[in-house]
Amino acid sequence: MRILLLSDTHSYIDEKILKYVKQADEVWHAGDIGDLAVTDAIEELKPLRAVFGNIDSYEIRNQFPEDQRFVVEGVDVWITHIGGYPKRYSPRVKQKIYHHPPKLFICGHSHILKVMNDKDLGLLHMNPGAVGKHGFHQKRTMLRFEINAGKIENLEVVDFGKR
């Protein structure tokens, strides 16, 4: 299964992003959607799993949950917007992640592209950075990868360059 992972669109979607959406089997959005027009454009093309972020409106919060936890191709996935990263998980998720770690833990919020292993918990952490144009990030980024029979493979950074 080919996954496109993005976050922090802050109401921004364009044809460059949608080109990658078309190549995916599923799209995962790690919050700060900004406007339902973003998720509507994605859902017109591909299945979407998304969570709300701290800037998202009541309307978005009614459509998407704070956390998504599911299994795809044998991989236990947890997506949330504010989750922290290995050794620095946010207080809201810390107990849950230590008691029942997923294989893949995804969050957004920081606008910082980060992929790292948590060897203590045996999980892979991903933050795709920010693909929108609002925020302090210098580059707009997303991640693409495949999940095949329990393995996360062919990870690739999609870098749109300076915003």
N, C-alpha and C. Protein backbone atom coordinates (compact mmCIF):
# COMPACT_ATOMS: atom_id res chain seq x y z
N MET A 1 0.84 -1.17 0.00
CA MET A 1 0.00 0.00 0.00
C MET A 1 0.89 1.25 0.00
N ARG A 2 0.64 2.14 -0.95
CA ARG A 2 1.41 3.39 -1.06
C ARG A 2 0.72 4.49 -0.26
N ILE A 3 1.48 5.08 0.68
CA ILE A 3 0.93 6.10 1.58
C ILE A 3 1.58 7.44 1.28
N LEU A 4 0.76 8.49 1.24
CA LEU A 4 1.25 9.86 1.23
C LEU A 4 0.90 10.45 2.58
N LEU A 5 1.92 10.92 3.29
CA LEU A 5 1.74 11.49 4.62
C LEU A 5 2.04 12.98 4.58
N LEU A 6 1.06 13.77 5.01
CA LEU A 6 1.25 15.21 5.04
C LEU A 6 0.66 15.79 6.32
N SER A 7 1.02 17.03 6.60
CA SER A 7 0.54 17.69 7.80
C SER A 7 0.64 19.20 7.61
N ASP A 8 -0.04 19.89 8.50
CA ASP A 8 0.07 21.34 8.59
C ASP A 8 -0.11 22.04 7.24
N THR A 9 -1.23 21.72 6.61
CA THR A 9 -1.57 22.39 5.35
C THR A 9 -2.05 23.82 5.61
N HIS A 10 -2.65 24.06 6.77
CA HIS A 10 -3.11 25.41 7.13
C HIS A 10 -3.91 26.03 5.98
N SER A 11 -4.88 25.28 5.47
CA SER A 11 -5.81 25.70 4.42
C SER A 11 -5.22 25.72 3.01
N TYR A 12 -4.00 25.23 2.84
CA TYR A 12 -3.34 25.31 1.54
C TYR A 12 -3.30 23.94 0.85
N ILE A 13 -3.76 23.92 -0.38
CA ILE A 13 -3.66 22.73 -1.24
C ILE A 13 -3.46 23.24 -2.67
N ASP A 14 -2.62 22.55 -3.43
CA ASP A 14 -2.40 22.97 -4.81
C ASP A 14 -2.21 21.74 -5.69
N GLU A 15 -2.04 21.97 -6.97
CA GLU A 15 -1.90 20.87 -7.93
C GLU A 15 -0.63 20.05 -7.70
N LYS A 16 0.42 20.69 -7.18
CA LYS A 16 1.66 19.94 -6.89
C LYS A 16 1.40 18.88 -5.83
N ILE A 17 0.67 19.24 -4.78
CA ILE A 17 0.32 18.27 -3.74
C ILE A 17 -0.60 17.21 -4.31
N LEU A 18 -1.61 17.63 -5.06
CA LEU A 18 -2.60 16.70 -5.60
C LEU A 18 -1.97 15.71 -6.59
N LYS A 19 -0.91 16.09 -7.25
CA LYS A 19 -0.19 15.16 -8.13
C LYS A 19 0.29 13.94 -7.33
N TYR A 20 0.82 14.19 -6.14
CA TYR A 20 1.28 13.10 -5.28
C TYR A 20 0.11 12.34 -4.65
N VAL A 21 -0.98 13.03 -4.37
CA VAL A 21 -2.18 12.37 -3.87
C VAL A 21 -2.63 11.30 -4.87
N LYS A 22 -2.63 11.64 -6.14
CA LYS A 22 -3.08 10.72 -7.19
C LYS A 22 -2.22 9.46 -7.27
N GLN A 23 -0.96 9.54 -6.85
CA GLN A 23 -0.05 8.40 -6.92
C GLN A 23 -0.16 7.47 -5.70
N ALA A 24 -0.87 7.89 -4.67
CA ALA A 24 -0.98 7.12 -3.43
C ALA A 24 -2.20 6.20 -3.45
N ASP A 25 -2.16 5.20 -2.59
CA ASP A 25 -3.34 4.38 -2.35
C ASP A 25 -4.21 5.00 -1.26
N GLU A 26 -3.53 5.59 -0.25
CA GLU A 26 -4.21 6.31 0.82
C GLU A 26 -3.39 7.54 1.16
N VAL A 27 -4.09 8.56 1.68
CA VAL A 27 -3.45 9.78 2.15
C VAL A 27 -3.74 9.91 3.63
N TRP A 28 -2.70 10.22 4.40
CA TRP A 28 -2.84 10.44 5.84
C TRP A 28 -2.45 11.87 6.14
N HIS A 29 -3.32 12.58 6.87
CA HIS A 29 -3.09 13.98 7.23
C HIS A 29 -2.98 14.07 8.75
N ALA A 30 -1.84 14.57 9.24
CA ALA A 30 -1.56 14.62 10.68
C ALA A 30 -1.94 15.96 11.32
N GLY A 31 -2.99 16.59 10.85
CA GLY A 31 -3.57 17.73 11.54
C GLY A 31 -3.14 19.10 11.09
N ASP A 32 -3.82 20.11 11.65
CA ASP A 32 -3.77 21.50 11.21
C ASP A 32 -4.16 21.58 9.73
N ILE A 33 -5.35 21.08 9.48
CA ILE A 33 -5.94 21.06 8.14
C ILE A 33 -6.24 22.49 7.69
N GLY A 34 -6.91 23.23 8.55
CA GLY A 34 -7.19 24.64 8.28
C GLY A 34 -8.52 24.91 7.62
N ASP A 35 -8.85 24.14 6.61
CA ASP A 35 -10.09 24.35 5.86
C ASP A 35 -10.51 23.00 5.28
N LEU A 36 -11.79 22.68 5.38
CA LEU A 36 -12.28 21.40 4.84
C LEU A 36 -12.10 21.30 3.32
N ALA A 37 -11.86 22.40 2.64
CA ALA A 37 -11.59 22.35 1.20
C ALA A 37 -10.34 21.50 0.93
N VAL A 38 -9.40 21.51 1.86
CA VAL A 38 -8.18 20.70 1.72
C VAL A 38 -8.53 19.22 1.73
N THR A 39 -9.25 18.79 2.75
CA THR A 39 -9.58 17.36 2.85
C THR A 39 -10.60 16.96 1.77
N ASP A 40 -11.49 17.86 1.40
CA ASP A 40 -12.43 17.56 0.31
C ASP A 40 -11.69 17.29 -0.99
N ALA A 41 -10.68 18.11 -1.29
CA ALA A 41 -9.90 17.92 -2.53
C ALA A 41 -9.16 16.59 -2.52
N ILE A 42 -8.64 16.21 -1.37
CA ILE A 42 -7.95 14.92 -1.26
C ILE A 42 -8.93 13.77 -1.40
N GLU A 43 -10.05 13.86 -0.69
CA GLU A 43 -11.04 12.77 -0.69
C GLU A 43 -11.70 12.57 -2.05
N GLU A 44 -11.69 13.58 -2.90
CA GLU A 44 -12.21 13.41 -4.26
C GLU A 44 -11.35 12.44 -5.06
N LEU A 45 -10.08 12.31 -4.65
CA LEU A 45 -9.13 11.50 -5.40
C LEU A 45 -8.78 10.17 -4.74
N LYS A 46 -8.63 10.18 -3.42
CA LYS A 46 -8.15 8.99 -2.72
C LYS A 46 -8.75 8.89 -1.32
N PRO A 47 -8.74 7.68 -0.74
CA PRO A 47 -9.17 7.54 0.66
C PRO A 47 -8.26 8.35 1.58
N LEU A 48 -8.85 8.95 2.61
CA LEU A 48 -8.12 9.83 3.52
C LEU A 48 -8.36 9.40 4.96
N ARG A 49 -7.28 9.39 5.73
CA ARG A 49 -7.36 9.27 7.19
C ARG A 49 -6.73 10.54 7.72
N ALA A 50 -7.44 11.24 8.62
CA ALA A 50 -6.93 12.52 9.11
C ALA A 50 -7.30 12.71 10.57
N VAL A 51 -6.55 13.58 11.23
CA VAL A 51 -6.84 14.00 12.59
C VAL A 51 -6.88 15.52 12.61
N PHE A 52 -7.56 16.07 13.61
CA PHE A 52 -7.58 17.53 13.72
C PHE A 52 -6.34 18.00 14.47
N GLY A 53 -5.98 19.26 14.21
CA GLY A 53 -4.85 19.88 14.90
C GLY A 53 -5.31 21.04 15.75
N ASN A 54 -4.37 21.67 16.41
CA ASN A 54 -4.69 22.73 17.36
C ASN A 54 -5.28 23.98 16.71
N ILE A 55 -5.06 24.22 15.42
CA ILE A 55 -5.63 25.40 14.78
C ILE A 55 -6.98 25.11 14.12
N ASP A 56 -7.38 23.85 14.13
CA ASP A 56 -8.57 23.47 13.38
C ASP A 56 -9.87 23.86 14.09
N SER A 57 -10.83 24.24 13.26
CA SER A 57 -12.13 24.74 13.72
C SER A 57 -12.99 23.62 14.30
N TYR A 58 -14.06 24.06 14.93
CA TYR A 58 -15.07 23.15 15.46
C TYR A 58 -15.61 22.24 14.35
N GLU A 59 -15.80 22.82 13.17
CA GLU A 59 -16.31 22.05 12.03
C GLU A 59 -15.35 20.90 11.66
N ILE A 60 -14.06 21.18 11.62
CA ILE A 60 -13.06 20.14 11.31
C ILE A 60 -13.00 19.13 12.44
N ARG A 61 -13.06 19.60 13.68
CA ARG A 61 -13.02 18.70 14.84
C ARG A 61 -14.23 17.77 14.87
N ASN A 62 -15.33 18.20 14.31
CA ASN A 62 -16.51 17.34 14.22
C ASN A 62 -16.35 16.27 13.15
N GLN A 63 -15.53 16.53 12.15
CA GLN A 63 -15.36 15.59 11.06
C GLN A 63 -14.22 14.60 11.29
N PHE A 64 -13.18 15.04 12.01
CA PHE A 64 -12.00 14.21 12.22
C PHE A 64 -11.68 14.10 13.70
N PRO A 65 -11.17 12.94 14.14
CA PRO A 65 -10.85 12.75 15.55
C PRO A 65 -9.48 13.33 15.92
N GLU A 66 -9.19 13.34 17.22
CA GLU A 66 -7.88 13.79 17.69
C GLU A 66 -6.81 12.73 17.44
N ASP A 67 -7.22 11.47 17.50
CA ASP A 67 -6.31 10.34 17.27
C ASP A 67 -6.95 9.37 16.29
N GLN A 68 -6.11 8.77 15.47
CA GLN A 68 -6.53 7.65 14.62
C GLN A 68 -5.57 6.51 14.94
N ARG A 69 -6.11 5.36 15.30
CA ARG A 69 -5.28 4.18 15.52
C ARG A 69 -5.92 3.06 14.72
N PHE A 70 -5.11 2.43 13.89
CA PHE A 70 -5.61 1.41 12.97
C PHE A 70 -4.47 0.51 12.56
N VAL A 71 -4.81 -0.60 11.91
CA VAL A 71 -3.81 -1.53 11.40
C VAL A 71 -3.95 -1.60 9.89
N VAL A 72 -2.82 -1.42 9.19
CA VAL A 72 -2.77 -1.52 7.73
C VAL A 72 -1.65 -2.48 7.36
N GLU A 73 -1.98 -3.49 6.58
CA GLU A 73 -0.96 -4.45 6.12
C GLU A 73 -0.10 -4.97 7.27
N GLY A 74 -0.73 -5.22 8.42
CA GLY A 74 -0.02 -5.75 9.57
C GLY A 74 0.76 -4.74 10.39
N VAL A 75 0.64 -3.45 10.08
CA VAL A 75 1.33 -2.39 10.81
C VAL A 75 0.32 -1.61 11.66
N ASP A 76 0.57 -1.58 12.98
CA ASP A 76 -0.24 -0.81 13.92
C ASP A 76 0.20 0.65 13.81
N VAL A 77 -0.72 1.53 13.43
CA VAL A 77 -0.43 2.94 13.17
C VAL A 77 -1.22 3.81 14.15
N TRP A 78 -0.57 4.82 14.66
CA TRP A 78 -1.24 5.82 15.50
C TRP A 78 -0.87 7.19 14.94
N ILE A 79 -1.91 7.97 14.56
CA ILE A 79 -1.72 9.33 14.07
C ILE A 79 -2.37 10.29 15.05
N THR A 80 -1.64 11.32 15.43
CA THR A 80 -2.17 12.41 16.23
C THR A 80 -1.43 13.68 15.83
N HIS A 81 -1.95 14.83 16.18
CA HIS A 81 -1.28 16.06 15.75
C HIS A 81 -0.12 16.43 16.68
N ILE A 82 -0.40 16.51 17.97
CA ILE A 82 0.64 16.88 18.94
C ILE A 82 1.02 15.62 19.71
N GLY A 83 2.14 15.02 19.35
CA GLY A 83 2.53 13.76 19.98
C GLY A 83 3.95 13.74 20.50
N GLY A 84 4.74 14.70 20.10
CA GLY A 84 6.14 14.68 20.50
C GLY A 84 6.92 13.68 19.66
N TYR A 85 8.02 13.21 20.21
CA TYR A 85 8.89 12.28 19.49
C TYR A 85 9.67 11.46 20.53
N PRO A 86 10.39 10.42 20.10
CA PRO A 86 11.07 9.55 21.06
C PRO A 86 11.86 10.32 22.12
N LYS A 87 11.68 9.89 23.34
CA LYS A 87 12.27 10.48 24.56
C LYS A 87 11.60 11.79 24.96
N ARG A 88 10.70 12.32 24.11
CA ARG A 88 10.02 13.59 24.41
C ARG A 88 8.56 13.56 23.94
N TYR A 89 7.85 12.48 24.29
CA TYR A 89 6.44 12.40 23.93
C TYR A 89 5.63 13.39 24.74
N SER A 90 4.54 13.88 24.15
CA SER A 90 3.70 14.84 24.85
C SER A 90 2.99 14.14 26.02
N PRO A 91 2.69 14.88 27.08
CA PRO A 91 2.05 14.27 28.25
C PRO A 91 0.75 13.53 27.93
N ARG A 92 -0.04 14.02 26.98
CA ARG A 92 -1.32 13.40 26.66
C ARG A 92 -1.16 11.98 26.12
N VAL A 93 -0.09 11.71 25.40
CA VAL A 93 0.08 10.39 24.77
C VAL A 93 1.10 9.50 25.47
N LYS A 94 1.89 10.07 26.35
CA LYS A 94 3.04 9.37 26.93
C LYS A 94 2.67 8.03 27.58
N GLN A 95 1.69 8.03 28.46
CA GLN A 95 1.31 6.78 29.14
C GLN A 95 0.81 5.74 28.15
N LYS A 96 -0.05 6.17 27.23
CA LYS A 96 -0.60 5.23 26.25
C LYS A 96 0.48 4.63 25.37
N ILE A 97 1.43 5.46 24.95
CA ILE A 97 2.46 4.99 24.03
C ILE A 97 3.41 4.01 24.72
N TYR A 98 3.67 4.24 26.02
CA TYR A 98 4.55 3.33 26.76
C TYR A 98 3.85 2.01 27.10
N HIS A 99 2.55 2.06 27.34
CA HIS A 99 1.82 0.84 27.68
C HIS A 99 1.39 0.01 26.47
N HIS A 100 1.19 0.67 25.35
CA HIS A 100 0.73 -0.04 24.14
C HIS A 100 1.29 0.66 22.90
N PRO A 101 2.60 0.53 22.66
CA PRO A 101 3.19 1.26 21.53
C PRO A 101 2.74 0.72 20.18
N PRO A 102 2.50 1.63 19.23
CA PRO A 102 2.22 1.20 17.86
C PRO A 102 3.55 0.86 17.18
N LYS A 103 3.48 0.33 15.98
CA LYS A 103 4.70 0.13 15.20
C LYS A 103 5.11 1.43 14.51
N LEU A 104 4.10 2.25 14.15
CA LEU A 104 4.34 3.52 13.47
C LEU A 104 3.57 4.62 14.19
N PHE A 105 4.29 5.61 14.72
CA PHE A 105 3.69 6.73 15.43
C PHE A 105 3.93 7.99 14.61
N ILE A 106 2.82 8.66 14.23
CA ILE A 106 2.87 9.81 13.33
C ILE A 106 2.28 11.03 14.02
N CYS A 107 2.96 12.15 13.90
CA CYS A 107 2.39 13.40 14.36
C CYS A 107 2.85 14.54 13.46
N GLY A 108 2.27 15.70 13.67
CA GLY A 108 2.63 16.90 12.93
C GLY A 108 3.02 17.97 13.92
N HIS A 109 2.47 19.15 13.79
CA HIS A 109 2.54 20.26 14.72
C HIS A 109 3.84 21.06 14.69
N SER A 110 4.98 20.40 14.74
CA SER A 110 6.25 21.12 14.88
C SER A 110 6.71 21.80 13.59
N HIS A 111 6.16 21.38 12.45
CA HIS A 111 6.59 21.85 11.13
C HIS A 111 8.03 21.40 10.84
N ILE A 112 8.52 20.44 11.59
CA ILE A 112 9.89 19.94 11.42
C ILE A 112 9.85 18.50 10.92
N LEU A 113 10.38 18.28 9.74
CA LEU A 113 10.47 16.94 9.18
C LEU A 113 11.37 16.09 10.08
N LYS A 114 10.84 14.95 10.51
CA LYS A 114 11.62 14.10 11.40
C LYS A 114 11.16 12.65 11.24
N VAL A 115 12.12 11.76 11.04
CA VAL A 115 11.85 10.33 11.03
C VAL A 115 12.91 9.70 11.92
N MET A 116 12.46 8.99 12.95
CA MET A 116 13.43 8.39 13.86
C MET A 116 12.86 7.15 14.53
N ASN A 117 13.75 6.22 14.84
CA ASN A 117 13.37 5.01 15.55
C ASN A 117 13.36 5.27 17.04
N ASP A 118 12.40 4.68 17.72
CA ASP A 118 12.41 4.62 19.18
C ASP A 118 12.77 3.18 19.52
N LYS A 119 14.04 2.95 19.78
CA LYS A 119 14.51 1.60 20.03
C LYS A 119 13.96 1.03 21.32
N ASP A 120 13.69 1.90 22.32
CA ASP A 120 13.12 1.43 23.59
C ASP A 120 11.73 0.84 23.39
N LEU A 121 10.93 1.46 22.53
CA LEU A 121 9.55 1.01 22.32
C LEU A 121 9.37 0.19 21.04
N GLY A 122 10.40 0.11 20.21
CA GLY A 122 10.30 -0.65 18.97
C GLY A 122 9.35 -0.04 17.97
N LEU A 123 9.33 1.29 17.90
CA LEU A 123 8.44 1.94 16.94
C LEU A 123 9.22 2.90 16.06
N LEU A 124 8.60 3.25 14.94
CA LEU A 124 9.13 4.26 14.04
C LEU A 124 8.27 5.50 14.18
N HIS A 125 8.92 6.64 14.40
CA HIS A 125 8.23 7.92 14.52
C HIS A 125 8.41 8.70 13.22
N MET A 126 7.31 9.29 12.72
CA MET A 126 7.37 10.13 11.53
C MET A 126 6.63 11.43 11.77
N ASN A 127 7.25 12.51 11.34
CA ASN A 127 6.61 13.81 11.25
C ASN A 127 6.95 14.32 9.84
N PRO A 128 5.96 14.52 8.99
CA PRO A 128 6.25 14.91 7.60
C PRO A 128 6.64 16.37 7.42
N GLY A 129 6.75 17.14 8.50
CA GLY A 129 6.99 18.57 8.36
C GLY A 129 5.69 19.26 7.97
N ALA A 130 5.78 20.38 7.34
CA ALA A 130 4.60 21.15 6.94
C ALA A 130 4.59 21.33 5.43
N VAL A 131 3.42 21.11 4.82
CA VAL A 131 3.31 21.28 3.37
C VAL A 131 2.56 22.57 3.02
N GLY A 132 1.99 23.23 4.03
CA GLY A 132 1.31 24.49 3.79
C GLY A 132 2.29 25.65 3.70
N LYS A 133 1.75 26.83 3.54
CA LYS A 133 2.61 28.01 3.39
C LYS A 133 2.62 28.88 4.64
N HIS A 134 1.87 28.52 5.68
CA HIS A 134 1.80 29.31 6.90
C HIS A 134 2.66 28.68 7.98
N GLY A 135 3.50 29.46 8.62
CA GLY A 135 4.33 28.96 9.71
C GLY A 135 5.78 29.36 9.54
N PHE A 136 6.61 28.87 10.42
CA PHE A 136 8.01 29.27 10.44
C PHE A 136 8.92 28.38 9.61
N HIS A 137 8.40 27.28 9.10
CA HIS A 137 9.24 26.34 8.34
C HIS A 137 9.81 27.01 7.08
N GLN A 138 10.99 26.57 6.72
CA GLN A 138 11.65 27.12 5.54
C GLN A 138 11.26 26.37 4.26
N LYS A 139 11.06 25.05 4.41
CA LYS A 139 10.73 24.20 3.26
C LYS A 139 9.39 23.53 3.48
N ARG A 140 8.70 23.29 2.38
CA ARG A 140 7.44 22.54 2.40
C ARG A 140 7.76 21.08 2.10
N THR A 141 7.37 20.18 3.00
CA THR A 141 7.70 18.77 2.84
C THR A 141 6.52 17.86 3.13
N MET A 142 6.59 16.66 2.55
CA MET A 142 5.67 15.56 2.82
C MET A 142 6.52 14.28 2.82
N LEU A 143 5.92 13.17 3.18
CA LEU A 143 6.58 11.87 3.11
C LEU A 143 5.75 10.91 2.29
N ARG A 144 6.46 10.04 1.56
CA ARG A 144 5.82 8.92 0.86
C ARG A 144 6.51 7.65 1.31
N PHE A 145 5.73 6.58 1.44
CA PHE A 145 6.32 5.29 1.79
C PHE A 145 5.32 4.20 1.44
N GLU A 146 5.78 2.97 1.56
CA GLU A 146 4.92 1.82 1.31
C GLU A 146 4.85 0.96 2.55
N ILE A 147 3.71 0.33 2.73
CA ILE A 147 3.55 -0.67 3.78
C ILE A 147 3.22 -1.98 3.07
N ASN A 148 4.11 -2.95 3.26
CA ASN A 148 3.97 -4.25 2.61
C ASN A 148 4.17 -5.36 3.63
N ALA A 149 3.12 -6.13 3.87
CA ALA A 149 3.20 -7.31 4.73
C ALA A 149 3.95 -7.02 6.03
N GLY A 150 3.55 -5.96 6.72
CA GLY A 150 4.13 -5.64 8.01
C GLY A 150 5.41 -4.83 7.97
N LYS A 151 5.87 -4.46 6.79
CA LYS A 151 7.11 -3.71 6.66
C LYS A 151 6.85 -2.32 6.09
N ILE A 152 7.56 -1.34 6.65
CA ILE A 152 7.50 0.03 6.15
C ILE A 152 8.72 0.20 5.25
N GLU A 153 8.47 0.48 3.96
CA GLU A 153 9.54 0.45 2.98
C GLU A 153 9.50 1.68 2.07
N ASN A 154 10.60 1.88 1.36
CA ASN A 154 10.70 2.89 0.30
C ASN A 154 10.29 4.29 0.76
N LEU A 155 10.76 4.67 1.94
CA LEU A 155 10.46 5.99 2.47
C LEU A 155 11.16 7.06 1.63
N GLU A 156 10.41 8.09 1.29
CA GLU A 156 10.92 9.17 0.45
C GLU A 156 10.40 10.51 0.95
N VAL A 157 11.26 11.49 1.02
CA VAL A 157 10.86 12.85 1.35
C VAL A 157 10.47 13.55 0.06
N VAL A 158 9.30 14.18 0.07
CA VAL A 158 8.87 15.03 -1.03
C VAL A 158 9.17 16.45 -0.57
N ASP A 159 10.12 17.10 -1.21
CA ASP A 159 10.57 18.42 -0.82
C ASP A 159 10.19 19.42 -1.91
N PHE A 160 9.30 20.34 -1.57
CA PHE A 160 8.86 21.36 -2.51
C PHE A 160 9.75 22.59 -2.48
N GLY A 161 10.78 22.56 -1.67
CA GLY A 161 11.70 23.69 -1.59
C GLY A 161 11.13 24.81 -0.74
N LYS A 162 11.74 25.97 -0.88
CA LYS A 162 11.35 27.11 -0.06
C LYS A 162 9.91 27.51 -0.31
N ARG A 163 9.26 27.90 0.74
CA ARG A 163 7.86 28.31 0.62
C ARG A 163 7.79 29.73 0.20
